[in-house]
Amino acid sequence: MKFVKKLFKILLTVVTVLFVVYFWNLDQKVLGWAYKQVNLMFDQKKVDQVF
């Protein structure tokens, strides 16, 4: 019986975390922040393209 309670608690925790991430759209916010940081790093280089 302890195993079932532990399994239920773990599943409930996972579902709760996934719901919060989905509801607050946290995945898109984190990716948007990371995208901006990457662009700040790589857009600072001056590029001189000659054809």
Protein backbone atom coordinates (compact mmCIF):
# COMPACT_ATOMS: atom_id res chain seq x y z
CA MET A 1 0.00 0.00 0.00
CA LYS A 2 2.91 2.36 0.68
CA PHE A 3 4.12 1.86 -2.89
CA VAL A 4 0.74 2.86 -4.32
CA LYS A 5 0.63 6.02 -2.17
CA LYS A 6 4.17 6.94 -3.17
CA LEU A 7 3.43 6.32 -6.85
CA PHE A 8 0.24 8.38 -6.65
CA LYS A 9 2.10 11.24 -4.95
CA ILE A 10 4.81 11.22 -7.62
CA LEU A 11 2.25 11.17 -10.46
CA LEU A 12 0.26 13.97 -8.86
CA THR A 13 3.42 16.07 -8.51
CA VAL A 14 4.40 15.50 -12.15
CA VAL A 15 0.92 16.38 -13.41
CA THR A 16 0.84 19.51 -11.24
CA VAL A 17 4.23 20.72 -12.50
CA LEU A 18 3.26 20.08 -16.13
CA PHE A 19 -0.05 21.90 -15.64
CA VAL A 20 1.67 24.95 -14.14
CA VAL A 21 4.22 25.05 -16.97
CA TYR A 22 1.44 24.78 -19.55
CA PHE A 23 -0.95 27.20 -17.83
CA TRP A 24 1.59 29.97 -17.31
CA ASN A 25 3.25 29.31 -20.67
CA LEU A 26 6.61 29.08 -18.93
CA ASP A 27 8.25 27.03 -21.66
CA GLN A 28 7.72 29.80 -24.22
CA LYS A 29 8.88 32.47 -21.77
CA VAL A 30 12.10 30.59 -21.03
CA LEU A 31 12.75 29.93 -24.71
CA GLY A 32 12.05 33.57 -25.55
CA TRP A 33 14.51 34.71 -22.91
CA ALA A 34 17.16 32.24 -24.11
CA TYR A 35 16.62 33.33 -27.73
CA LYS A 36 17.18 36.97 -26.79
CA GLN A 37 20.37 36.09 -24.89
CA VAL A 38 21.78 34.14 -27.84
CA ASN A 39 20.95 36.98 -30.21
CA LEU A 40 22.68 39.48 -27.93
CA MET A 41 25.84 37.37 -27.96
CA PHE A 42 26.02 36.78 -31.69
CA ASP A 43 24.58 40.04 -33.07
CA GLN A 44 27.36 42.14 -31.57
CA LYS A 45 29.89 40.97 -34.15
CA LYS A 46 30.29 43.27 -37.10
CA VAL A 47 30.14 41.43 -40.39
CA ASP A 48 31.64 42.79 -43.55
CA GLN A 49 30.43 40.75 -46.49
CA VAL A 50 32.01 41.49 -49.84
CA PHE A 51 30.64 39.86 -52.95
